[in-house]
Amino acid sequence: MTDTNKIKSRYDDAKDRFRAIGVDVENALATLKNTKIAMHCWQGDDVRGFLNPDGDLSGGIMSTGNYPGAAHTPEQLRQDADKAFSLIPGKHKFNLHAMYVDTDEKVDLNEIEPKHFEKWVEWAKEKGIGLDFNPTFFSHPMYKDGYTLAHPDAEVRNFWIEHGKRSRKIAAYFGKELNEPVYNNFWVPDGSKDNPIDRLSPRRRLMESLDEIFDEEYSENYTVDTVESKLFGIGAEAYTVGSHEFYMGYGISRGKTILMDAGHFHPTEVVSNKISSLSLFSDKLMLHVSRPVRWDSDHVIIMDDELQEIMKEIVRNGLLCRTAIGLDFFDATINRVAAWVIGVRNTQKALLKALLEPTEDLKKVELNFDFTTRLALTEEYKDLPFSAVWDYFCLDEGVPVGLDWYKEIKKYEKEVLNKR
């Protein structure tokens, strides 16, 4: 059982230690509480969706493992998400892909409308959470020859252009109903397995297709368009149309928000080192926080160095108010609900550690080129009791402290997941 008095006592001691170095712990917790993380729907069902759940995954999508308990209906997915949110401090968002329609009507991606997602909006209102959205440019018969929006066949392109337009309409509907901006992310897997002769024409077609999709204006009070690059994918190892350079140019020239996924770059590249540069040229940023193992393998987030560096970059540069944080991983080898909880809680922990750093003092030391002091302080600060602050935050938010959340997961697995 949780010893409330011990948790509060440790928190009071931690506050004193952080206060001694100029950190306002209560202010840090208030910021953490008001920071929403977008928990992704596709972890709950291995990226199958409900449009054609028995179809083949395509577009470089692959989920490995067969752990019992995957969601097979929208109701089951919402039930699992409810359980995850009950074990995570704060109020957050749920990030939906277009293929997660909830309707008895037979509908295709170029026919989807807000009415096909009304149950999701009702659920979000009831739970007091937000929604984000993504058009689905994969796992569909019209994903042809490895291409969608960049396909040379106008019929294929037009199908996906219409899908993109309808997805923007749905995202705006979410935003109006929930009274907060919905980040609507465009990731397009188009590319080639081997070296193409013509790299330019597909990129021109992608640019023109996106221009047509984005022709209608929507208020950013309701929806924010984001575009996401990728280095390569399964079946697109040699050439990806929507490269980092393509979307940097497209996003900045078109006033679109650029999304950076932690796994979508060369193995020696890190997103944390790109955030400050992008912030100079873009009003908003969006992140897909993931854990690449050698590359974009979408492992569940752990408290590794890069996760902490990403959060430090956001906090140190005052970018939290301009940055939307979403998660992107899918692992079917472990309990899927536990994966959500581990991922979101680790993201929050990394953010809290960054918020508890005396950044301004460290910047002053650096500005004086006193690198010895900078190194000594940053290493010493690693030992400060941030975990006592985290435990108190969980207690104050009414969610399990420490590993108590995992006891809830095992009970849920026995009573719900194992019976599917």
Protein backbone atom coordinates (compact mmCIF):
# COMPACT_ATOMS: atom_id res chain seq x y z
CA MET A 1 0.00 0.00 0.00
CA THR A 2 1.04 3.58 -0.65
CA ASP A 3 2.49 5.31 2.40
CA THR A 4 1.07 8.80 1.86
CA ASN A 5 2.94 10.37 4.75
CA LYS A 6 6.30 9.09 3.52
CA ILE A 7 5.63 10.34 0.00
CA LYS A 8 4.71 13.79 1.28
CA SER A 9 7.70 13.88 3.61
CA ARG A 10 10.11 12.97 0.80
CA TYR A 11 8.47 15.57 -1.41
CA ASP A 12 8.96 18.29 1.20
CA ASP A 13 12.61 17.36 1.51
CA ALA A 14 13.00 17.37 -2.28
CA LYS A 15 11.36 20.80 -2.52
CA ASP A 16 13.94 22.15 -0.07
CA ARG A 17 16.83 20.72 -2.08
CA PHE A 18 15.51 22.09 -5.36
CA ARG A 19 14.73 25.44 -3.77
CA ALA A 20 18.38 25.66 -2.69
CA ILE A 21 19.41 25.71 -6.37
CA GLY A 22 16.66 28.14 -7.39
CA VAL A 23 14.03 25.75 -8.72
CA ASP A 24 10.34 26.27 -7.95
CA VAL A 25 9.00 22.73 -7.73
CA GLU A 26 5.35 23.74 -7.50
CA ASN A 27 5.66 25.77 -10.69
CA ALA A 28 7.29 22.80 -12.43
CA LEU A 29 4.44 20.52 -11.38
CA ALA A 30 1.84 23.02 -12.56
CA THR A 31 3.53 23.10 -15.97
CA LEU A 32 3.70 19.30 -16.11
CA LYS A 33 0.04 18.98 -15.17
CA ASN A 34 -0.99 21.31 -17.99
CA THR A 35 1.11 19.55 -20.65
CA LYS A 36 -0.94 17.13 -22.72
CA ILE A 37 0.67 14.07 -24.30
CA ALA A 38 -1.09 12.54 -27.33
CA MET A 39 -1.37 8.80 -26.67
CA HIS A 40 -1.59 6.95 -29.98
CA CYS A 41 -4.46 4.60 -30.75
CA TRP A 42 -2.44 2.18 -32.90
CA GLN A 43 -0.55 0.64 -29.97
CA GLY A 44 -3.81 -0.86 -28.76
CA ASP A 45 -4.55 -3.04 -31.79
CA ASP A 46 -1.24 -3.43 -33.65
CA VAL A 47 -2.09 -0.80 -36.32
CA ARG A 48 -5.06 -2.72 -37.72
CA GLY A 49 -7.82 -0.17 -37.45
CA PHE A 50 -11.50 -0.88 -38.07
CA LEU A 51 -11.87 -0.05 -41.75
CA ASN A 52 -10.40 -3.38 -42.93
CA PRO A 53 -8.92 -5.03 -39.81
CA ASP A 54 -8.24 -8.34 -41.55
CA GLY A 55 -6.31 -6.76 -44.43
CA ASP A 56 -2.56 -6.80 -44.86
CA LEU A 57 -0.42 -4.09 -43.33
CA SER A 58 1.40 -2.08 -46.00
CA GLY A 59 3.35 1.12 -46.39
CA GLY A 60 6.26 -0.15 -44.34
CA ILE A 61 4.06 -0.89 -41.32
CA MET A 62 4.89 -4.00 -39.32
CA SER A 63 3.89 -5.02 -35.81
CA THR A 64 5.55 -8.10 -34.36
CA GLY A 65 4.35 -10.32 -31.53
CA ASN A 66 1.11 -12.01 -30.49
CA TYR A 67 0.60 -11.06 -26.85
CA PRO A 68 -3.05 -11.74 -25.93
CA GLY A 69 -5.62 -8.99 -25.52
CA ALA A 70 -5.44 -6.79 -28.62
CA ALA A 71 -8.50 -4.61 -29.17
CA HIS A 72 -10.76 -5.77 -32.01
CA THR A 73 -13.52 -3.15 -31.82
CA PRO A 74 -13.72 0.58 -31.12
CA GLU A 75 -15.42 -0.22 -27.82
CA GLN A 76 -12.55 -2.45 -26.73
CA LEU A 77 -9.97 0.13 -27.78
CA ARG A 78 -11.73 2.85 -25.79
CA GLN A 79 -11.98 0.52 -22.81
CA ASP A 80 -8.23 -0.14 -22.95
CA ALA A 81 -7.43 3.55 -23.39
CA ASP A 82 -9.64 4.37 -20.40
CA LYS A 83 -7.61 1.93 -18.31
CA ALA A 84 -4.33 3.44 -19.45
CA PHE A 85 -5.47 7.01 -18.78
CA SER A 86 -6.61 6.01 -15.29
CA LEU A 87 -3.00 5.09 -14.48
CA ILE A 88 -1.40 8.22 -15.97
CA PRO A 89 -1.35 11.57 -14.12
CA GLY A 90 -2.99 14.55 -15.83
CA LYS A 91 -5.44 14.94 -18.70
CA HIS A 92 -4.16 14.12 -22.16
CA LYS A 93 -5.16 13.45 -25.79
CA PHE A 94 -5.92 10.35 -27.84
CA ASN A 95 -4.42 10.29 -31.31
CA LEU A 96 -6.65 8.61 -33.91
CA HIS A 97 -5.85 7.40 -37.41
CA ALA A 98 -8.52 7.72 -40.07
CA MET A 99 -8.87 3.94 -40.38
CA TYR A 100 -10.25 3.83 -36.81
CA VAL A 101 -13.76 4.70 -37.95
CA ASP A 102 -16.60 3.76 -35.63
CA THR A 103 -19.62 3.13 -37.80
CA ASP A 104 -21.86 0.31 -39.02
CA GLU A 105 -21.86 1.93 -42.44
CA LYS A 106 -19.53 0.48 -45.09
CA VAL A 107 -17.25 3.37 -45.90
CA ASP A 108 -13.92 3.86 -47.67
CA LEU A 109 -11.12 6.30 -46.90
CA ASN A 110 -12.23 8.70 -49.63
CA GLU A 111 -15.75 8.73 -48.18
CA ILE A 112 -15.17 9.26 -44.45
CA GLU A 113 -17.07 12.07 -42.74
CA PRO A 114 -17.31 13.53 -39.24
CA LYS A 115 -20.36 11.36 -38.54
CA HIS A 116 -18.17 8.26 -38.72
CA PHE A 117 -16.22 9.50 -35.68
CA GLU A 118 -19.04 10.89 -33.54
CA LYS A 119 -18.65 8.15 -30.92
CA TRP A 120 -14.99 9.08 -30.50
CA VAL A 121 -15.92 12.70 -29.87
CA GLU A 122 -18.64 11.70 -27.39
CA TRP A 123 -16.10 9.56 -25.54
CA ALA A 124 -13.50 12.33 -25.49
CA LYS A 125 -16.04 14.79 -24.07
CA GLU A 126 -17.12 12.32 -21.41
CA LYS A 127 -13.51 11.66 -20.34
CA GLY A 128 -12.35 15.26 -20.59
CA ILE A 129 -9.56 14.48 -23.02
CA GLY A 130 -8.51 15.90 -26.39
CA LEU A 131 -8.12 14.23 -29.77
CA ASP A 132 -5.53 14.39 -32.53
CA PHE A 133 -5.88 12.88 -36.00
CA ASN A 134 -3.98 11.34 -38.93
CA PRO A 135 -5.07 10.49 -42.47
CA THR A 136 -4.19 6.87 -43.28
CA PHE A 137 -2.03 6.53 -46.40
CA PHE A 138 -1.27 2.81 -46.01
CA SER A 139 -2.85 -0.65 -45.61
CA HIS A 140 -5.30 -0.08 -48.44
CA PRO A 141 -5.75 -1.47 -52.00
CA MET A 142 -5.21 2.02 -53.43
CA TYR A 143 -1.70 2.05 -51.98
CA LYS A 144 -0.31 0.98 -55.33
CA ASP A 145 3.23 0.23 -56.43
CA GLY A 146 4.52 1.78 -53.21
CA TYR A 147 2.87 5.15 -53.92
CA THR A 148 -0.20 7.22 -52.98
CA LEU A 149 -0.09 11.01 -53.38
CA ALA A 150 3.03 10.75 -55.54
CA HIS A 151 1.71 8.00 -57.83
CA PRO A 152 1.96 8.80 -61.57
CA ASP A 153 -1.64 7.60 -62.08
CA ALA A 154 -4.03 10.52 -61.50
CA GLU A 155 -6.81 8.15 -60.40
CA VAL A 156 -4.66 6.89 -57.52
CA ARG A 157 -3.56 10.39 -56.57
CA ASN A 158 -7.13 11.71 -56.65
CA PHE A 159 -8.33 8.97 -54.30
CA TRP A 160 -5.73 9.97 -51.73
CA ILE A 161 -6.21 13.69 -52.27
CA GLU A 162 -9.89 13.28 -51.47
CA HIS A 163 -8.95 11.26 -48.38
CA GLY A 164 -6.65 14.04 -47.25
CA LYS A 165 -9.33 16.68 -47.70
CA ARG A 166 -11.88 14.67 -45.74
CA SER A 167 -9.38 14.03 -42.97
CA ARG A 168 -8.84 17.77 -42.54
CA LYS A 169 -12.59 18.27 -42.31
CA ILE A 170 -12.82 15.61 -39.60
CA ALA A 171 -9.94 17.13 -37.64
CA ALA A 172 -11.62 20.54 -37.75
CA TYR A 173 -14.84 18.92 -36.52
CA PHE A 174 -12.94 17.43 -33.58
CA GLY A 175 -11.46 20.82 -32.77
CA LYS A 176 -14.80 22.62 -32.83
CA GLU A 177 -16.52 19.99 -30.72
CA LEU A 178 -13.73 19.74 -28.14
CA ASN A 179 -12.78 23.42 -28.21
CA GLU A 180 -9.05 22.85 -28.63
CA PRO A 181 -6.70 22.54 -31.62
CA VAL A 182 -6.41 19.08 -33.16
CA TYR A 183 -3.03 18.27 -34.70
CA ASN A 184 -3.66 16.49 -37.98
CA ASN A 185 -0.52 14.73 -39.15
CA PHE A 186 0.26 13.83 -42.76
CA TRP A 187 2.73 10.97 -43.12
CA VAL A 188 2.97 9.52 -46.62
CA PRO A 189 5.02 6.30 -47.10
CA ASP A 190 5.62 6.70 -50.85
CA GLY A 191 8.97 5.47 -52.09
CA SER A 192 11.02 2.93 -53.98
CA LYS A 193 12.75 -0.29 -52.95
CA ASP A 194 15.63 0.27 -55.36
CA ASN A 195 17.33 3.29 -56.88
CA PRO A 196 14.97 5.36 -59.06
CA ILE A 197 16.04 7.22 -62.19
CA ASP A 198 13.72 10.15 -61.51
CA ARG A 199 13.67 11.43 -57.93
CA LEU A 200 12.23 14.81 -58.85
CA SER A 201 8.88 13.98 -60.48
CA PRO A 202 7.42 12.02 -57.55
CA ARG A 203 8.36 14.86 -55.22
CA ARG A 204 6.72 17.36 -57.53
CA ARG A 205 3.56 15.23 -57.60
CA LEU A 206 3.59 14.96 -53.81
CA MET A 207 3.98 18.71 -53.51
CA GLU A 208 1.12 19.38 -55.90
CA SER A 209 -1.13 16.80 -54.22
CA LEU A 210 -0.51 18.34 -50.81
CA ASP A 211 -1.16 21.81 -52.19
CA GLU A 212 -4.55 20.62 -53.41
CA ILE A 213 -5.36 19.00 -50.07
CA PHE A 214 -4.39 22.13 -48.15
CA ASP A 215 -6.18 24.53 -50.49
CA GLU A 216 -9.10 25.06 -48.10
CA GLU A 217 -8.31 27.21 -45.09
CA TYR A 218 -9.15 25.99 -41.57
CA SER A 219 -8.69 28.01 -38.42
CA GLU A 220 -5.77 26.80 -36.30
CA ASN A 221 -8.08 27.29 -33.34
CA TYR A 222 -9.59 24.00 -34.53
CA THR A 223 -6.93 22.10 -36.44
CA VAL A 224 -3.21 22.36 -37.17
CA ASP A 225 -1.81 20.60 -40.26
CA THR A 226 1.50 18.82 -39.67
CA VAL A 227 3.79 17.04 -42.16
CA GLU A 228 6.16 14.21 -41.21
CA SER A 229 9.29 13.05 -42.99
CA LYS A 230 10.95 9.64 -43.02
CA LEU A 231 14.38 8.39 -44.02
CA PHE A 232 13.25 5.08 -45.49
CA GLY A 233 10.78 2.28 -44.91
CA ILE A 234 10.18 -1.38 -45.61
CA GLY A 235 9.77 -1.51 -49.38
CA ALA A 236 11.13 2.03 -49.72
CA GLU A 237 14.71 1.41 -48.67
CA ALA A 238 16.37 3.31 -51.52
CA TYR A 239 14.14 6.36 -51.90
CA THR A 240 11.47 8.06 -49.84
CA VAL A 241 9.57 10.83 -51.57
CA GLY A 242 8.71 12.68 -48.35
CA SER A 243 12.24 13.09 -47.08
CA HIS A 244 13.36 15.42 -44.29
CA GLU A 245 14.56 17.97 -46.84
CA PHE A 246 11.27 17.80 -48.73
CA TYR A 247 9.12 18.49 -45.69
CA MET A 248 11.44 21.12 -44.25
CA GLY A 249 11.05 23.03 -47.48
CA TYR A 250 7.36 22.31 -47.84
CA GLY A 251 6.43 23.10 -44.26
CA ILE A 252 8.36 26.33 -44.03
CA SER A 253 7.26 27.59 -47.47
CA ARG A 254 3.59 26.68 -46.89
CA GLY A 255 3.31 27.64 -43.24
CA LYS A 256 2.69 24.06 -42.14
CA THR A 257 3.92 22.59 -38.87
CA ILE A 258 6.77 20.12 -39.26
CA LEU A 259 6.58 16.92 -37.24
CA MET A 260 9.80 15.14 -36.33
CA ASP A 261 9.69 11.48 -35.36
CA ALA A 262 12.57 10.29 -33.19
CA GLY A 263 13.02 7.19 -35.37
CA HIS A 264 12.83 8.72 -38.83
CA PHE A 265 16.44 9.79 -39.31
CA HIS A 266 19.86 8.20 -39.79
CA PRO A 267 20.92 6.09 -36.77
CA THR A 268 23.54 8.71 -35.84
CA GLU A 269 21.06 11.61 -36.00
CA VAL A 270 18.98 12.71 -33.03
CA VAL A 271 15.84 14.84 -32.96
CA SER A 272 17.03 16.71 -29.87
CA ASN A 273 19.75 18.39 -31.92
CA LYS A 274 17.27 19.55 -34.57
CA ILE A 275 14.65 21.20 -32.34
CA SER A 276 16.42 24.52 -31.77
CA SER A 277 17.16 25.02 -35.48
CA LEU A 278 13.62 24.27 -36.57
CA SER A 279 12.21 26.56 -33.89
CA LEU A 280 13.88 29.56 -35.58
CA PHE A 281 11.86 29.07 -38.75
CA SER A 282 8.56 27.58 -37.58
CA ASP A 283 5.95 28.93 -35.17
CA LYS A 284 4.97 25.46 -33.98
CA LEU A 285 6.65 22.10 -33.60
CA MET A 286 5.31 18.59 -33.23
CA LEU A 287 7.15 15.51 -32.05
CA HIS A 288 6.49 11.80 -32.33
CA VAL A 289 8.45 10.42 -29.41
CA SER A 290 9.55 6.89 -30.13
CA ARG A 291 12.54 4.63 -29.48
CA PRO A 292 14.43 3.40 -32.51
CA VAL A 293 16.58 0.33 -32.01
CA ARG A 294 19.11 0.74 -34.81
CA TRP A 295 16.38 2.50 -36.78
CA ASP A 296 12.62 3.15 -36.85
CA SER A 297 11.57 0.05 -34.95
CA ASP A 298 9.05 1.94 -32.79
CA HIS A 299 9.94 0.39 -29.44
CA VAL A 300 8.17 1.48 -26.28
CA ILE A 301 9.71 4.60 -24.81
CA ILE A 302 12.18 4.17 -21.98
CA MET A 303 13.95 6.83 -19.92
CA ASP A 304 16.98 6.84 -22.19
CA ASP A 305 19.36 9.71 -22.89
CA GLU A 306 17.65 10.89 -26.05
CA LEU A 307 14.19 11.13 -24.47
CA GLN A 308 15.67 13.27 -21.72
CA GLU A 309 17.63 15.40 -24.20
CA ILE A 310 14.47 16.04 -26.24
CA MET A 311 12.64 17.33 -23.18
CA LYS A 312 15.63 19.41 -22.07
CA GLU A 313 15.79 21.09 -25.48
CA ILE A 314 12.10 21.98 -25.32
CA VAL A 315 12.30 23.35 -21.77
CA ARG A 316 15.70 25.05 -21.98
CA ASN A 317 14.66 27.02 -25.03
CA GLY A 318 11.19 27.98 -23.82
CA LEU A 319 9.51 25.93 -26.54
CA LEU A 320 7.00 23.93 -24.52
CA CYS A 321 4.15 26.32 -25.34
CA ARG A 322 4.91 25.89 -29.05
CA THR A 323 5.46 22.14 -29.08
CA ALA A 324 2.90 19.35 -29.40
CA ILE A 325 4.10 16.02 -28.04
CA GLY A 326 2.73 12.74 -29.34
CA LEU A 327 3.89 9.15 -29.00
CA ASP A 328 4.50 6.63 -31.76
CA PHE A 329 5.34 3.02 -31.04
CA PHE A 330 3.64 -0.34 -31.40
CA ASP A 331 4.74 -3.51 -29.68
CA ALA A 332 2.65 -6.67 -29.74
CA THR A 333 5.13 -8.70 -27.69
CA ILE A 334 4.00 -7.16 -24.38
CA ASN A 335 0.78 -6.05 -22.70
CA ARG A 336 -0.42 -3.24 -24.94
CA VAL A 337 -2.07 -1.21 -22.19
CA ALA A 338 1.09 -1.42 -20.10
CA ALA A 339 3.05 -0.17 -23.13
CA TRP A 340 0.89 2.96 -23.23
CA VAL A 341 1.31 3.61 -19.51
CA ILE A 342 5.08 3.09 -19.58
CA GLY A 343 5.43 5.35 -22.61
CA VAL A 344 3.37 8.27 -21.36
CA ARG A 345 4.70 8.13 -17.80
CA ASN A 346 8.30 8.02 -19.03
CA THR A 347 7.66 11.02 -21.29
CA GLN A 348 6.23 12.91 -18.33
CA LYS A 349 9.15 11.90 -16.12
CA ALA A 350 11.67 13.15 -18.67
CA LEU A 351 9.77 16.41 -18.97
CA LEU A 352 9.67 16.80 -15.19
CA LYS A 353 13.43 16.28 -14.93
CA ALA A 354 13.91 19.05 -17.49
CA LEU A 355 11.53 21.37 -15.62
CA LEU A 356 13.49 20.80 -12.39
CA GLU A 357 16.76 22.00 -13.89
CA PRO A 358 18.07 25.51 -12.96
CA THR A 359 18.42 26.36 -16.64
CA GLU A 360 19.04 30.09 -16.36
CA ASP A 361 21.92 29.62 -13.92
CA LEU A 362 23.49 27.03 -16.19
CA LYS A 363 23.17 29.35 -19.18
CA LYS A 364 24.98 32.11 -17.28
CA VAL A 365 27.85 29.76 -16.45
CA GLU A 366 28.05 28.71 -20.09
CA LEU A 367 27.98 32.30 -21.31
CA ASN A 368 31.08 32.95 -19.17
CA PHE A 369 32.77 29.95 -20.85
CA ASP A 370 33.12 28.28 -17.47
CA PHE A 371 32.79 24.78 -18.82
CA THR A 372 34.25 23.13 -15.74
CA THR A 373 31.46 24.49 -13.57
CA ARG A 374 28.90 23.60 -16.22
CA LEU A 375 30.05 19.98 -16.24
CA ALA A 376 30.30 19.76 -12.45
CA LEU A 377 26.81 21.19 -11.93
CA THR A 378 25.02 19.19 -14.61
CA GLU A 379 26.50 15.96 -13.25
CA GLU A 380 25.70 16.83 -9.65
CA TYR A 381 22.11 17.76 -10.52
CA LYS A 382 21.53 14.23 -11.84
CA ASP A 383 21.49 13.03 -8.23
CA LEU A 384 18.75 15.40 -7.08
CA PRO A 385 15.57 13.61 -5.91
CA PHE A 386 13.29 14.17 -8.89
CA SER A 387 11.62 10.79 -8.21
CA ALA A 388 10.26 12.09 -4.90
CA VAL A 389 8.61 14.93 -6.82
CA TRP A 390 7.24 12.49 -9.41
CA ASP A 391 5.76 10.23 -6.72
CA TYR A 392 4.04 13.19 -5.10
CA PHE A 393 2.67 14.29 -8.48
CA CYS A 394 1.13 10.86 -9.02
CA LEU A 395 -0.32 10.89 -5.50
CA ASP A 396 -1.75 14.37 -5.95
CA GLU A 397 -3.28 13.39 -9.29
CA GLY A 398 -4.91 10.30 -7.81
CA VAL A 399 -3.03 7.69 -9.85
CA PRO A 400 -0.88 4.80 -8.58
CA VAL A 401 2.58 5.60 -7.23
CA GLY A 402 5.59 3.55 -8.27
CA LEU A 403 4.81 0.05 -9.53
CA ASP A 404 1.33 0.03 -8.03
CA TRP A 405 0.04 0.84 -11.53
CA TYR A 406 1.37 -2.50 -12.77
CA LYS A 407 -0.74 -4.38 -10.24
CA GLU A 408 -3.75 -2.73 -11.86
CA ILE A 409 -2.54 -3.82 -15.29
CA LYS A 410 -2.16 -7.46 -14.25
CA LYS A 411 -5.65 -7.44 -12.77
CA TYR A 412 -7.06 -5.88 -15.97
CA GLU A 413 -5.23 -8.44 -18.05
CA LYS A 414 -6.74 -11.31 -16.09
CA GLU A 415 -10.28 -9.91 -15.97
CA VAL A 416 -10.54 -8.33 -19.43
CA LEU A 417 -7.71 -8.91 -21.90
CA ASN A 418 -7.35 -12.65 -21.47
CA LYS A 419 -11.06 -13.15 -22.18
CA ARG A 420 -10.96 -11.67 -25.67
